[in-house]
Each structure stands twice: as C-alpha cells, then as structure tokens.
Protein backbone atom coordinates (compact mmCIF):
# COMPACT_ATOMS: atom_id res chain seq x y z
CA MET A 1 64.18 -52.34 7.21
CA PRO A 2 64.45 -48.84 5.82
CA PRO A 3 64.42 -45.95 8.26
CA PRO A 4 61.10 -44.08 8.67
CA ALA A 5 60.66 -41.18 6.27
CA ALA A 6 61.17 -37.79 7.77
CA ALA A 7 58.02 -35.71 8.24
CA THR A 8 57.58 -33.03 5.60
CA LEU A 9 55.63 -29.83 5.58
CA ASP A 10 53.14 -31.31 3.11
CA ASP A 11 51.70 -33.93 5.44
CA GLY A 12 48.54 -31.99 6.48
CA PHE A 13 47.16 -28.82 7.99
CA THR A 14 48.30 -27.25 11.18
CA LEU A 15 45.85 -26.37 13.93
CA VAL A 16 46.31 -22.67 13.17
CA GLU A 17 45.36 -23.17 9.52
CA VAL A 18 42.23 -25.09 10.48
CA VAL A 19 41.14 -22.43 13.01
CA VAL A 20 41.70 -19.61 10.50
CA SER A 21 39.70 -21.49 7.86
CA ILE A 22 36.80 -22.07 10.26
CA LEU A 23 36.80 -18.41 11.31
CA LEU A 24 36.79 -17.30 7.66
CA LEU A 25 33.84 -19.60 6.87
CA ALA A 26 31.95 -18.32 9.94
CA VAL A 27 32.41 -14.70 8.86
CA LEU A 28 31.21 -15.50 5.32
CA ALA A 29 28.19 -17.45 6.63
CA GLY A 30 27.27 -14.58 8.97
CA GLY A 31 27.43 -12.08 6.11
CA THR A 32 25.29 -14.30 3.92
CA ALA A 33 22.68 -14.71 6.67
CA SER A 34 22.60 -10.94 7.21
CA LEU A 35 22.15 -10.36 3.47
CA LEU A 36 19.30 -12.88 3.32
CA GLY A 37 17.56 -11.21 6.28
CA ALA A 38 17.86 -7.77 4.69
CA SER A 39 16.54 -9.13 1.40
CA ALA A 40 13.51 -10.67 3.11
CA ARG A 41 12.71 -7.36 4.88
CA THR A 42 13.05 -5.41 1.62
CA LEU A 43 10.83 -7.88 -0.20
CA ALA A 44 8.15 -7.64 2.50
CA GLN A 45 8.27 -3.84 2.38
CA ALA A 46 7.98 -3.87 -1.43
CA ARG A 47 4.98 -6.19 -1.22
CA THR A 48 3.30 -3.89 1.31
CA GLN A 49 4.02 -0.85 -0.88
CA SER A 50 2.61 -2.61 -3.96
CA THR A 51 -0.55 -3.55 -2.08
CA ALA A 52 -0.99 0.04 -0.86
CA VAL A 53 -0.57 1.40 -4.39
CA ARG A 54 -3.08 -1.14 -5.72
CA LEU A 55 -5.60 -0.22 -3.01
CA ALA A 56 -5.26 3.52 -3.64
CA THR A 57 -5.43 3.11 -7.41
CA SER A 58 -8.50 0.87 -7.29
CA ARG A 59 -10.42 3.32 -5.08
CA MET A 60 -9.34 6.23 -7.29
CA GLU A 61 -10.62 4.38 -10.36
CA GLN A 62 -13.92 3.56 -8.63
CA LEU A 63 -14.41 7.24 -7.77
CA ARG A 64 -13.42 8.36 -11.27
CA SER A 65 -15.87 5.91 -12.83
CA LEU A 66 -18.93 7.32 -11.03
CA PRO A 67 -21.22 9.33 -13.36
CA TRP A 68 -20.43 13.05 -13.46
CA GLY A 69 -20.65 14.98 -16.71
CA PHE A 70 -22.76 17.09 -19.03
CA GLY A 71 -25.96 16.02 -20.69
CA ALA A 72 -28.14 17.68 -23.31
CA ALA A 73 -27.65 21.41 -23.92
CA SER A 74 -24.36 21.31 -22.00
CA GLN A 75 -26.15 21.18 -18.65
CA PRO A 76 -24.68 19.18 -15.77
CA VAL A 77 -26.11 15.67 -15.66
CA ALA A 78 -28.90 15.39 -13.12
CA GLY A 79 -27.84 11.80 -12.50
CA ALA A 80 -24.37 12.69 -11.27
CA ASP A 81 -23.51 10.13 -8.63
CA THR A 82 -24.07 11.46 -5.14
CA ILE A 83 -25.33 8.25 -3.56
CA THR A 84 -22.94 5.35 -4.21
CA ALA A 85 -21.42 3.91 -1.04
CA LEU A 86 -17.88 2.75 -1.72
CA SER A 87 -17.01 1.92 1.87
CA GLN A 88 -18.77 -1.46 1.61
CA ALA A 89 -17.29 -4.69 0.27
CA SER A 90 -19.13 -3.91 -3.00
CA PRO A 91 -20.54 -0.53 -4.12
CA THR A 92 -24.10 -0.02 -2.88
CA PRO A 93 -26.65 2.83 -2.80
CA GLY A 94 -26.86 5.06 0.24
CA GLY A 95 -23.42 6.61 0.33
CA GLN A 96 -21.39 9.70 -0.41
CA GLY A 97 -20.82 9.27 -4.14
CA LEU A 98 -19.07 12.34 -5.55
CA ARG A 99 -20.47 14.86 -3.07
CA PRO A 100 -17.85 17.13 -1.53
CA SER A 101 -16.36 15.58 1.61
CA PRO A 102 -15.34 17.08 4.95
CA ALA A 103 -11.82 18.51 4.96
CA SER A 104 -10.87 16.05 7.73
CA ALA A 105 -11.77 12.96 5.69
CA LEU A 106 -8.12 12.07 4.94
CA ASP A 107 -6.94 12.56 8.51
CA THR A 108 -9.72 10.88 10.50
CA ASP A 109 -12.15 8.05 9.87
CA VAL A 110 -15.34 9.61 8.50
CA ALA A 111 -18.36 7.31 8.03
CA GLY A 112 -18.85 6.52 4.35
CA LEU A 113 -15.34 7.70 3.45
CA VAL A 114 -13.22 4.98 5.04
CA ASP A 115 -12.73 1.25 4.81
CA HIS A 116 -10.33 -1.26 6.34
CA LEU A 117 -8.55 -4.04 4.47
CA ASP A 118 -6.42 -7.05 5.30
CA HIS A 119 -2.79 -7.57 4.20
CA ASP A 120 -3.94 -8.86 0.79
CA GLY A 121 -6.34 -5.95 0.25
CA ARG A 122 -9.57 -7.79 1.08
CA TRP A 123 -12.30 -5.68 2.68
CA VAL A 124 -12.72 -6.34 6.44
CA GLY A 125 -14.90 -3.44 7.59
CA ASN A 126 -15.74 0.24 7.49
CA ALA A 127 -16.45 1.28 11.07
CA PRO A 128 -14.80 4.63 11.83
CA GLY A 129 -12.20 4.24 14.56
CA ASP A 130 -12.45 0.44 14.65
CA ALA A 131 -10.06 -1.13 12.17
CA GLY A 132 -9.87 -4.36 14.17
CA THR A 133 -7.19 -6.59 12.68
CA ALA A 134 -6.98 -4.70 9.39
CA ALA A 135 -3.56 -4.17 7.85
CA PHE A 136 -4.61 -1.08 5.89
CA THR A 137 -7.03 1.82 6.36
CA ARG A 138 -8.15 3.57 3.19
CA ARG A 139 -9.70 7.05 3.29
CA TRP A 140 -10.89 9.30 0.48
CA ARG A 141 -12.13 12.84 -0.03
CA VAL A 142 -13.80 14.70 -2.89
CA ASP A 143 -13.27 18.47 -3.15
CA ALA A 144 -15.23 20.88 -5.35
CA PRO A 145 -12.95 23.93 -5.71
CA ALA A 146 -14.76 27.25 -5.24
CA GLY A 147 -15.54 28.99 -8.49
CA LEU A 148 -14.89 25.85 -10.57
CA PRO A 149 -18.24 24.05 -10.76
CA ASP A 150 -17.03 21.65 -13.45
CA LEU A 151 -14.02 20.35 -11.56
CA LEU A 152 -13.58 17.82 -8.76
CA VAL A 153 -10.37 17.01 -6.95
CA ILE A 154 -10.27 13.43 -5.66
CA HIS A 155 -7.84 12.27 -2.96
CA VAL A 156 -7.21 8.73 -1.71
CA ARG A 157 -4.98 7.92 1.26
CA VAL A 158 -3.85 4.44 2.30
CA ILE A 159 -2.40 3.95 5.77
CA ASP A 160 -0.35 0.89 6.66
CA ARG A 161 -1.56 0.13 10.18
CA ARG A 162 1.57 -1.96 10.84
CA ALA A 163 3.74 1.07 9.93
CA ARG A 164 5.96 -0.88 7.54
CA ILE A 165 5.70 1.88 4.93
CA GLU A 166 4.86 5.58 4.84
CA ASP A 167 1.25 6.58 4.19
CA LEU A 168 0.42 6.74 0.49
CA GLN A 169 -1.74 9.48 -1.00
CA LEU A 170 -2.95 9.88 -4.58
CA SER A 171 -4.78 12.94 -5.90
CA THR A 172 -6.33 13.70 -9.26
CA ALA A 173 -8.57 16.30 -10.84
CA ARG A 174 -11.67 15.33 -12.75
CA ALA A 175 -13.23 17.79 -15.20
CA ARG A 176 -16.89 17.49 -16.10
CA THR A 177 -17.13 16.39 -19.72
CA ALA A 178 -19.89 16.08 -22.28
CA GLY A 179 -21.42 12.71 -22.76
C-alpha cells in the first residue's frame, strides 16, 4: 500500500481566508444597501418636487387663462375675470378671479386663494388653516402694480406639508393685450 500523500497548500481555504472573504462580502453588501436607500430617498424627493412644479404650473396657467385684455377702441374689457373661484375642485363662479389679492396671500391661508392637495395633486379641500391630511398647500396672489393699469403680477406658492422639499414659488407678469 502506498504511503498517504503529503498535504499540500492547495487542498482548500484556511479559516482566515474564509473570514476575510465573508467580511469583504459584508462590507460590499452594506455599501450596496446604503446606496439603494439613498437612491430611494432621492427618487421620492424628485417625485415630490415634480408634483409641486406641476401643481404650481397648473394654477399659474389657470390664472393666466382667465379673461383680461382690451376690447373695442382699446378699452379694458368689461368682462375681465374677477369672479372665478379657483380654490374649488373645478373652477366655479363666486371667487377672486384676477382681482388684486391681499399681500399676505402667499404667507397665510386666505379664503379663495388657497387649496390643499394630496400627494398625487388631487384636490382635498380649501379651508384656510385646515389642510387635514393634505400633502401640499397651494396659495396664489395677484398684484396690480401702482401706475401700471395694464399689468398684473401673478404669484403661486406650493408648500410641501411633509417638508420633504423647499417651498416652490413661481411668478409671472401678464400684460393686458388687445383681443
């Protein structure tokens, strides 16, 4: 019977090699998990920001689409919108329209100049000071600069009630045009 073969260094892994390999895999897995968590937070923040931009832009476009221009003989249109309520789920009569708003309208909830929306931007209410479970509060203000009767400045502010993003504010000027 031949003598048993001598053990060589190529017969397997030592305990130290196995422990080092496991530690290396654990560090890599922890880094990957951390990266996935950071990616999920960034994605959620980007979604919230996109929703806020969409909400501000849609209200700005609604305000800009209200009638306000010149009619015959270059006189301001008598039918300029000063009654449309935009703080409802759908525009209705009986609101602010394009009348100048209180200076505080962007900083506090002013009846007729505020609405509350869920995380997808669906209307959930308009009661000043009572946003309930809303994810966003949207406020707007119309300014008529002194000495410029044919100009309006429109501001829209969207507040993330969960504080995941900074408040968003859009402003634009609207000049009275013929038509």
